[in-house]
């Protein structure tokens, strides 16, 4: 979901940087707010975008599967 014209919402939940991943559980309650792009070091020590596994782990934990 992409939020537009959501200044009141982002101010209320305290978001100061973008992008963010907002994990919402089955009951519609915000479970966790994560930074949108996880960064990691490649073999040469260069900072690169993560592979997405960290968000997958959080979703699996949230769903308790």
N, C-alpha and C. Protein backbone atom coordinates (compact mmCIF):
# COMPACT_ATOMS: atom_id res chain seq x y z
N UNK A 1 0.84 -1.14 0.00
CA UNK A 1 0.00 0.00 0.00
C UNK A 1 0.90 1.23 0.00
N UNK A 2 0.56 2.20 -0.75
CA UNK A 2 1.27 3.46 -0.80
C UNK A 2 0.35 4.53 -0.24
N UNK A 3 0.81 5.20 0.81
CA UNK A 3 -0.02 6.23 1.43
C UNK A 3 0.30 7.59 0.80
N UNK A 4 -0.72 8.28 0.39
CA UNK A 4 -0.55 9.64 -0.10
C UNK A 4 -1.39 10.57 0.76
N UNK A 5 -0.97 11.81 0.86
CA UNK A 5 -1.69 12.78 1.70
C UNK A 5 -1.94 12.23 3.09
N UNK A 6 -0.91 11.63 3.68
CA UNK A 6 -1.07 10.96 4.96
C UNK A 6 -0.27 11.63 6.07
N UNK A 7 -0.03 12.92 5.96
CA UNK A 7 0.80 13.64 6.94
C UNK A 7 0.29 13.43 8.36
N UNK A 8 -1.00 13.54 8.60
CA UNK A 8 -1.54 13.35 9.96
C UNK A 8 -1.21 11.96 10.48
N UNK A 9 -1.36 10.94 9.63
CA UNK A 9 -1.09 9.56 10.03
C UNK A 9 0.38 9.37 10.37
N UNK A 10 1.29 9.81 9.50
CA UNK A 10 2.72 9.59 9.75
C UNK A 10 3.19 10.41 10.95
N UNK A 11 2.61 11.57 11.17
CA UNK A 11 2.96 12.34 12.36
C UNK A 11 2.50 11.62 13.63
N UNK A 12 1.33 11.03 13.57
CA UNK A 12 0.76 10.35 14.73
C UNK A 12 1.58 9.12 15.12
N UNK A 13 2.10 8.37 14.14
CA UNK A 13 2.87 7.17 14.46
C UNK A 13 4.37 7.44 14.53
N UNK A 14 4.77 8.67 14.29
CA UNK A 14 6.15 9.06 14.51
C UNK A 14 7.14 8.66 13.43
N UNK A 15 6.69 8.57 12.19
CA UNK A 15 7.60 8.24 11.10
C UNK A 15 8.35 9.50 10.67
N UNK A 16 9.68 9.39 10.61
CA UNK A 16 10.48 10.54 10.20
C UNK A 16 11.29 10.25 8.94
N UNK A 17 11.45 9.00 8.57
CA UNK A 17 12.20 8.64 7.37
C UNK A 17 11.39 7.71 6.50
N UNK A 18 11.68 7.71 5.24
CA UNK A 18 10.96 6.87 4.29
C UNK A 18 11.95 6.03 3.53
N UNK A 19 11.60 4.94 2.95
CA UNK A 19 10.29 4.27 3.06
C UNK A 19 10.22 3.45 4.34
N UNK A 20 9.03 3.04 4.68
CA UNK A 20 8.77 2.19 5.85
C UNK A 20 7.90 1.03 5.42
N UNK A 21 8.06 -0.09 6.10
CA UNK A 21 7.17 -1.24 5.94
C UNK A 21 6.37 -1.32 7.23
N UNK A 22 5.06 -1.24 7.12
CA UNK A 22 4.19 -1.31 8.29
C UNK A 22 3.51 -2.67 8.27
N UNK A 23 3.85 -3.51 9.25
CA UNK A 23 3.27 -4.85 9.33
C UNK A 23 2.01 -4.78 10.17
N UNK A 24 0.90 -5.20 9.57
CA UNK A 24 -0.40 -5.15 10.22
C UNK A 24 -0.89 -6.58 10.39
N UNK A 25 -1.26 -6.95 11.61
CA UNK A 25 -1.67 -8.33 11.85
C UNK A 25 -3.09 -8.59 11.35
N UNK A 26 -3.54 -9.82 11.53
CA UNK A 26 -4.86 -10.22 11.02
C UNK A 26 -6.00 -9.43 11.63
N UNK A 27 -5.79 -8.91 12.83
CA UNK A 27 -6.83 -8.13 13.51
C UNK A 27 -6.81 -6.66 13.10
N UNK A 28 -5.86 -6.30 12.23
CA UNK A 28 -5.77 -4.92 11.77
C UNK A 28 -4.96 -4.02 12.68
N UNK A 29 -4.20 -4.60 13.60
CA UNK A 29 -3.38 -3.85 14.53
C UNK A 29 -1.95 -3.77 13.98
N UNK A 30 -1.35 -2.57 14.08
CA UNK A 30 0.03 -2.42 13.63
C UNK A 30 0.92 -3.26 14.54
N UNK A 31 1.62 -4.21 13.93
CA UNK A 31 2.50 -5.12 14.67
C UNK A 31 3.90 -4.54 14.80
N UNK A 32 4.39 -3.97 13.71
CA UNK A 32 5.75 -3.45 13.72
C UNK A 32 5.93 -2.48 12.54
N UNK A 33 6.80 -1.51 12.72
CA UNK A 33 7.17 -0.59 11.65
C UNK A 33 8.66 -0.75 11.41
N UNK A 34 9.02 -1.10 10.19
CA UNK A 34 10.42 -1.36 9.84
C UNK A 34 10.88 -0.38 8.78
N UNK A 35 12.18 -0.09 8.82
CA UNK A 35 12.74 0.69 7.73
C UNK A 35 12.53 -0.06 6.43
N UNK A 36 12.21 0.68 5.38
CA UNK A 36 11.80 0.06 4.12
C UNK A 36 12.88 -0.67 3.35
N UNK A 37 14.10 -0.19 3.42
CA UNK A 37 15.17 -0.82 2.63
C UNK A 37 16.30 -1.20 3.57
N UNK A 38 16.40 -2.48 3.86
CA UNK A 38 17.48 -2.98 4.70
C UNK A 38 18.76 -2.96 3.89
N UNK A 39 19.83 -2.50 4.49
CA UNK A 39 21.11 -2.47 3.79
C UNK A 39 22.06 -3.46 4.43
N UNK A 40 22.95 -3.97 3.61
CA UNK A 40 23.95 -4.92 4.08
C UNK A 40 25.24 -4.71 3.29
N UNK A 41 26.29 -5.37 3.73
CA UNK A 41 27.57 -5.28 3.03
C UNK A 41 27.72 -6.46 2.09
N UNK A 42 28.22 -6.19 0.87
CA UNK A 42 28.51 -7.29 -0.04
C UNK A 42 29.91 -7.83 0.26
N UNK A 43 30.38 -8.77 -0.53
CA UNK A 43 31.68 -9.42 -0.29
C UNK A 43 32.84 -8.44 -0.33
N UNK A 44 32.69 -7.34 -1.07
CA UNK A 44 33.75 -6.35 -1.17
C UNK A 44 33.64 -5.26 -0.10
N UNK A 45 32.61 -5.34 0.74
CA UNK A 45 32.43 -4.35 1.79
C UNK A 45 31.63 -3.13 1.37
N UNK A 46 30.99 -3.21 0.20
CA UNK A 46 30.17 -2.11 -0.29
C UNK A 46 28.76 -2.24 0.26
N UNK A 47 28.17 -1.13 0.69
CA UNK A 47 26.79 -1.15 1.18
C UNK A 47 25.85 -1.32 0.00
N UNK A 48 25.00 -2.33 0.08
CA UNK A 48 24.03 -2.63 -0.98
C UNK A 48 22.66 -2.88 -0.34
N UNK A 49 21.63 -2.81 -1.16
CA UNK A 49 20.27 -3.11 -0.69
C UNK A 49 20.19 -4.57 -0.28
N UNK A 50 19.45 -4.84 0.79
CA UNK A 50 19.28 -6.20 1.27
C UNK A 50 18.46 -7.05 0.31
N UNK A 51 18.39 -8.33 0.61
CA UNK A 51 17.69 -9.27 -0.26
C UNK A 51 16.23 -9.47 0.12
N UNK A 52 15.77 -8.79 1.17
CA UNK A 52 14.38 -8.91 1.58
C UNK A 52 14.10 -9.99 2.60
N UNK A 53 15.10 -10.77 2.95
CA UNK A 53 14.88 -11.87 3.89
C UNK A 53 14.50 -11.39 5.28
N UNK A 54 14.99 -10.20 5.69
CA UNK A 54 14.67 -9.71 7.02
C UNK A 54 13.17 -9.41 7.17
N UNK A 55 12.55 -8.89 6.13
CA UNK A 55 11.12 -8.60 6.19
C UNK A 55 10.31 -9.90 6.14
N UNK A 56 10.80 -10.87 5.39
CA UNK A 56 10.13 -12.17 5.34
C UNK A 56 10.15 -12.82 6.71
N UNK A 57 11.29 -12.77 7.40
CA UNK A 57 11.39 -13.34 8.76
C UNK A 57 10.40 -12.66 9.70
N UNK A 58 10.28 -11.35 9.62
CA UNK A 58 9.35 -10.63 10.49
C UNK A 58 7.90 -11.01 10.21
N UNK A 59 7.57 -11.16 8.94
CA UNK A 59 6.20 -11.55 8.58
C UNK A 59 5.90 -12.95 9.07
N UNK A 60 6.84 -13.87 8.89
CA UNK A 60 6.64 -15.25 9.36
C UNK A 60 6.47 -15.26 10.88
N UNK A 61 7.31 -14.48 11.58
CA UNK A 61 7.18 -14.41 13.04
C UNK A 61 5.83 -13.84 13.45
N UNK A 62 5.38 -12.82 12.75
CA UNK A 62 4.12 -12.19 13.07
C UNK A 62 2.95 -13.16 12.85
N UNK A 63 3.01 -13.94 11.78
CA UNK A 63 1.94 -14.88 11.46
C UNK A 63 2.04 -16.16 12.27
N UNK A 64 3.20 -16.34 12.93
CA UNK A 64 3.43 -17.52 13.77
C UNK A 64 3.26 -18.81 12.98
N UNK A 65 3.89 -18.86 11.79
CA UNK A 65 3.82 -20.07 10.95
C UNK A 65 5.12 -20.84 11.03
